[in-house]
Amino acid sequence: MYPNIDVEPSKMSTRGQIVIPREIREKLGLKRDSLFMVGALDKETIILKKMDKARIAAGFMKLRQEVLSRTGGFSGEEIEAEVNAVRKKR
């Protein structure tokens, strides 16, 4: 089903840490401070997704630009004041 998948054994420490085998770290270019999302697919399957900090930051910048274009370029303070005003009306 997944012919190009690399599988290596690893063991969890008493502190819950799991070592990613060197061969896989090297293949993926993982460094000491690499970030991951961790998820449980089911009771037997854990998924690790490598996170790219630069891509995440770019996504937030794009989202910020979209919000600014939709709000007419209001400042953060103006938006916060409007949100607080709406909350008080409730």
N, C-alpha and C. Protein backbone atom coordinates (compact mmCIF):
# COMPACT_ATOMS: atom_id res chain seq x y z
N MET A 1 0.82 -1.20 0.00
CA MET A 1 0.00 0.00 0.00
C MET A 1 0.86 1.26 0.00
N TYR A 2 1.89 1.32 0.84
CA TYR A 2 2.81 2.45 0.90
C TYR A 2 4.23 1.93 0.65
N PRO A 3 4.60 1.73 -0.60
CA PRO A 3 5.89 1.09 -0.89
C PRO A 3 7.10 1.92 -0.50
N ASN A 4 6.99 3.24 -0.42
CA ASN A 4 8.16 4.07 -0.12
C ASN A 4 8.22 4.52 1.33
N ILE A 5 7.47 3.87 2.19
CA ILE A 5 7.46 4.28 3.60
C ILE A 5 8.66 3.65 4.32
N ASP A 6 9.35 4.48 5.10
CA ASP A 6 10.47 4.00 5.91
C ASP A 6 9.95 3.67 7.30
N VAL A 7 10.27 2.52 7.79
CA VAL A 7 9.82 2.09 9.11
C VAL A 7 11.04 1.70 9.92
N GLU A 8 11.17 2.29 11.10
CA GLU A 8 12.26 1.99 12.02
C GLU A 8 11.66 1.85 13.42
N PRO A 9 12.19 0.96 14.24
CA PRO A 9 11.67 0.83 15.61
C PRO A 9 12.16 1.98 16.49
N SER A 10 11.37 2.33 17.47
CA SER A 10 11.74 3.34 18.45
C SER A 10 11.05 2.98 19.75
N LYS A 11 11.51 3.56 20.85
CA LYS A 11 10.98 3.22 22.16
C LYS A 11 10.71 4.50 22.94
N MET A 12 9.62 4.52 23.69
CA MET A 12 9.28 5.69 24.50
C MET A 12 10.03 5.63 25.83
N SER A 13 10.57 6.79 26.25
CA SER A 13 11.29 6.87 27.52
C SER A 13 10.29 7.00 28.67
N THR A 14 10.80 6.97 29.88
CA THR A 14 9.94 7.12 31.06
C THR A 14 9.32 8.51 31.12
N ARG A 15 9.91 9.48 30.38
CA ARG A 15 9.38 10.85 30.32
C ARG A 15 8.45 11.05 29.13
N GLY A 16 8.13 9.98 28.40
CA GLY A 16 7.22 10.08 27.27
C GLY A 16 7.87 10.55 25.99
N GLN A 17 9.19 10.56 25.94
CA GLN A 17 9.89 11.01 24.75
C GLN A 17 10.15 9.83 23.81
N ILE A 18 10.00 10.10 22.51
CA ILE A 18 10.25 9.08 21.50
C ILE A 18 11.35 9.59 20.58
N VAL A 19 12.33 8.77 20.33
CA VAL A 19 13.43 9.15 19.44
C VAL A 19 13.05 8.80 18.01
N ILE A 20 13.21 9.77 17.10
CA ILE A 20 13.03 9.49 15.69
C ILE A 20 14.37 8.97 15.19
N PRO A 21 14.40 7.77 14.63
CA PRO A 21 15.67 7.19 14.22
C PRO A 21 16.47 8.09 13.26
N ARG A 22 17.78 8.04 13.39
CA ARG A 22 18.69 8.90 12.63
C ARG A 22 18.44 8.85 11.13
N GLU A 23 18.23 7.65 10.59
CA GLU A 23 18.03 7.52 9.15
C GLU A 23 16.83 8.36 8.68
N ILE A 24 15.77 8.34 9.47
CA ILE A 24 14.57 9.10 9.12
C ILE A 24 14.82 10.59 9.32
N ARG A 25 15.48 10.97 10.43
CA ARG A 25 15.79 12.39 10.66
C ARG A 25 16.62 12.97 9.52
N GLU A 26 17.62 12.20 9.08
CA GLU A 26 18.48 12.67 8.00
C GLU A 26 17.71 12.77 6.68
N LYS A 27 16.90 11.77 6.39
CA LYS A 27 16.12 11.78 5.15
C LYS A 27 15.18 12.98 5.08
N LEU A 28 14.58 13.35 6.22
CA LEU A 28 13.63 14.45 6.27
C LEU A 28 14.26 15.80 6.60
N GLY A 29 15.57 15.80 6.89
CA GLY A 29 16.25 17.05 7.24
C GLY A 29 15.80 17.61 8.57
N LEU A 30 15.47 16.75 9.52
CA LEU A 30 15.01 17.20 10.83
C LEU A 30 16.18 17.66 11.68
N LYS A 31 15.96 18.74 12.40
CA LYS A 31 16.98 19.29 13.30
C LYS A 31 16.46 19.22 14.73
N ARG A 32 17.30 19.60 15.68
CA ARG A 32 16.98 19.50 17.11
C ARG A 32 15.67 20.20 17.47
N ASP A 33 15.42 21.37 16.94
CA ASP A 33 14.22 22.13 17.33
C ASP A 33 13.09 22.03 16.32
N SER A 34 13.09 20.98 15.50
CA SER A 34 12.00 20.80 14.54
C SER A 34 10.68 20.67 15.29
N LEU A 35 9.63 21.25 14.71
CA LEU A 35 8.31 21.23 15.33
C LEU A 35 7.41 20.21 14.64
N PHE A 36 6.51 19.61 15.42
CA PHE A 36 5.60 18.61 14.89
C PHE A 36 4.21 18.80 15.47
N MET A 37 3.23 18.43 14.70
CA MET A 37 1.87 18.25 15.20
C MET A 37 1.77 16.75 15.47
N VAL A 38 1.13 16.38 16.56
CA VAL A 38 1.00 14.98 16.93
C VAL A 38 -0.48 14.66 17.04
N GLY A 39 -0.88 13.56 16.41
CA GLY A 39 -2.28 13.18 16.47
C GLY A 39 -2.42 11.68 16.62
N ALA A 40 -3.54 11.26 17.17
CA ALA A 40 -3.86 9.84 17.30
C ALA A 40 -4.93 9.51 16.27
N LEU A 41 -4.58 8.67 15.32
CA LEU A 41 -5.54 8.27 14.29
C LEU A 41 -6.52 7.26 14.87
N ASP A 42 -6.01 6.35 15.67
CA ASP A 42 -6.82 5.38 16.39
C ASP A 42 -5.99 4.91 17.58
N LYS A 43 -6.41 3.87 18.26
CA LYS A 43 -5.69 3.43 19.47
C LYS A 43 -4.32 2.82 19.17
N GLU A 44 -4.00 2.60 17.90
CA GLU A 44 -2.73 1.97 17.54
C GLU A 44 -1.86 2.82 16.63
N THR A 45 -2.37 3.98 16.18
CA THR A 45 -1.65 4.75 15.18
C THR A 45 -1.46 6.20 15.62
N ILE A 46 -0.20 6.62 15.67
CA ILE A 46 0.15 7.99 16.01
C ILE A 46 0.70 8.64 14.74
N ILE A 47 0.26 9.86 14.48
CA ILE A 47 0.72 10.58 13.29
C ILE A 47 1.56 11.77 13.74
N LEU A 48 2.73 11.93 13.12
CA LEU A 48 3.56 13.11 13.32
C LEU A 48 3.58 13.88 12.01
N LYS A 49 3.31 15.17 12.06
CA LYS A 49 3.38 16.01 10.88
C LYS A 49 4.40 17.09 11.14
N LYS A 50 5.46 17.14 10.32
CA LYS A 50 6.49 18.15 10.47
C LYS A 50 5.88 19.52 10.16
N MET A 51 6.15 20.48 11.03
CA MET A 51 5.63 21.83 10.83
C MET A 51 6.74 22.72 10.28
N ASP A 52 6.37 23.59 9.37
CA ASP A 52 7.31 24.53 8.77
C ASP A 52 6.99 25.92 9.31
N LYS A 53 7.85 26.43 10.21
CA LYS A 53 7.57 27.71 10.86
C LYS A 53 7.44 28.84 9.85
N ALA A 54 8.27 28.85 8.82
CA ALA A 54 8.21 29.93 7.82
C ALA A 54 6.88 29.89 7.07
N ARG A 55 6.41 28.69 6.71
CA ARG A 55 5.15 28.57 5.99
C ARG A 55 3.97 28.98 6.88
N ILE A 56 4.04 28.63 8.16
CA ILE A 56 2.98 29.02 9.10
C ILE A 56 2.95 30.54 9.25
N ALA A 57 4.12 31.15 9.40
CA ALA A 57 4.19 32.61 9.53
C ALA A 57 3.66 33.28 8.28
N ALA A 58 4.00 32.76 7.12
CA ALA A 58 3.50 33.33 5.86
C ALA A 58 1.98 33.21 5.79
N GLY A 59 1.44 32.10 6.27
CA GLY A 59 -0.01 31.92 6.29
C GLY A 59 -0.69 32.93 7.18
N PHE A 60 -0.09 33.22 8.33
CA PHE A 60 -0.66 34.22 9.23
C PHE A 60 -0.57 35.62 8.61
N MET A 61 0.53 35.90 7.93
CA MET A 61 0.65 37.20 7.28
C MET A 61 -0.39 37.36 6.17
N LYS A 62 -0.64 36.29 5.42
CA LYS A 62 -1.66 36.33 4.37
C LYS A 62 -3.04 36.56 5.00
N LEU A 63 -3.32 35.84 6.08
CA LEU A 63 -4.59 36.01 6.78
C LEU A 63 -4.73 37.43 7.30
N ARG A 64 -3.67 37.98 7.84
CA ARG A 64 -3.68 39.36 8.35
C ARG A 64 -4.02 40.33 7.23
N GLN A 65 -3.39 40.14 6.06
CA GLN A 65 -3.66 41.03 4.92
C GLN A 65 -5.11 40.92 4.47
N GLU A 66 -5.65 39.70 4.47
CA GLU A 66 -7.06 39.51 4.09
C GLU A 66 -7.98 40.22 5.06
N VAL A 67 -7.69 40.11 6.35
CA VAL A 67 -8.52 40.77 7.36
C VAL A 67 -8.43 42.28 7.20
N LEU A 68 -7.22 42.79 6.99
CA LEU A 68 -7.06 44.24 6.82
C LEU A 68 -7.81 44.74 5.59
N SER A 69 -7.78 43.96 4.51
CA SER A 69 -8.48 44.40 3.29
C SER A 69 -9.99 44.38 3.49
N ARG A 70 -10.49 43.43 4.27
CA ARG A 70 -11.93 43.34 4.52
C ARG A 70 -12.42 44.40 5.49
N THR A 71 -11.55 44.83 6.40
CA THR A 71 -11.96 45.79 7.43
C THR A 71 -11.64 47.23 7.04
N GLY A 72 -11.14 47.40 5.82
CA GLY A 72 -10.81 48.76 5.39
C GLY A 72 -9.55 49.29 6.02
N GLY A 73 -8.73 48.43 6.55
CA GLY A 73 -7.46 48.85 7.13
C GLY A 73 -7.54 49.38 8.54
N PHE A 74 -8.59 49.00 9.27
CA PHE A 74 -8.69 49.45 10.66
C PHE A 74 -7.50 48.95 11.46
N SER A 75 -7.10 49.70 12.45
CA SER A 75 -6.00 49.28 13.32
C SER A 75 -6.49 48.21 14.28
N GLY A 76 -5.55 47.52 14.88
CA GLY A 76 -5.90 46.50 15.87
C GLY A 76 -6.69 47.08 17.02
N GLU A 77 -6.34 48.29 17.43
CA GLU A 77 -7.05 48.95 18.53
C GLU A 77 -8.49 49.27 18.14
N GLU A 78 -8.69 49.72 16.90
CA GLU A 78 -10.05 50.04 16.44
C GLU A 78 -10.92 48.79 16.38
N ILE A 79 -10.32 47.70 15.89
CA ILE A 79 -11.06 46.43 15.81
C ILE A 79 -11.42 45.95 17.21
N GLU A 80 -10.45 46.01 18.13
CA GLU A 80 -10.71 45.57 19.51
C GLU A 80 -11.79 46.42 20.16
N ALA A 81 -11.78 47.72 19.92
CA ALA A 81 -12.81 48.61 20.49
C ALA A 81 -14.19 48.24 19.95
N GLU A 82 -14.28 47.93 18.66
CA GLU A 82 -15.55 47.56 18.06
C GLU A 82 -16.04 46.23 18.62
N VAL A 83 -15.15 45.26 18.76
CA VAL A 83 -15.52 43.97 19.35
C VAL A 83 -16.04 44.16 20.76
N ASN A 84 -15.35 44.96 21.55
CA ASN A 84 -15.79 45.22 22.94
C ASN A 84 -17.15 45.91 22.97
N ALA A 85 -17.39 46.84 22.02
CA ALA A 85 -18.68 47.53 21.97
C ALA A 85 -19.81 46.55 21.65
N VAL A 86 -19.58 45.64 20.72
CA VAL A 86 -20.59 44.64 20.37
C VAL A 86 -20.84 43.71 21.56
N ARG A 87 -19.80 43.32 22.25
CA ARG A 87 -19.96 42.44 23.41
C ARG A 87 -20.80 43.10 24.51
N LYS A 88 -20.62 44.42 24.70
CA LYS A 88 -21.37 45.14 25.74
C LYS A 88 -22.85 45.21 25.41
N LYS A 89 -23.18 45.21 24.12
CA LYS A 89 -24.58 45.27 23.69
C LYS A 89 -25.32 43.98 23.97
N ARG A 90 -24.64 42.90 24.14
CA ARG A 90 -25.28 41.59 24.36
C ARG A 90 -25.88 41.55 25.70
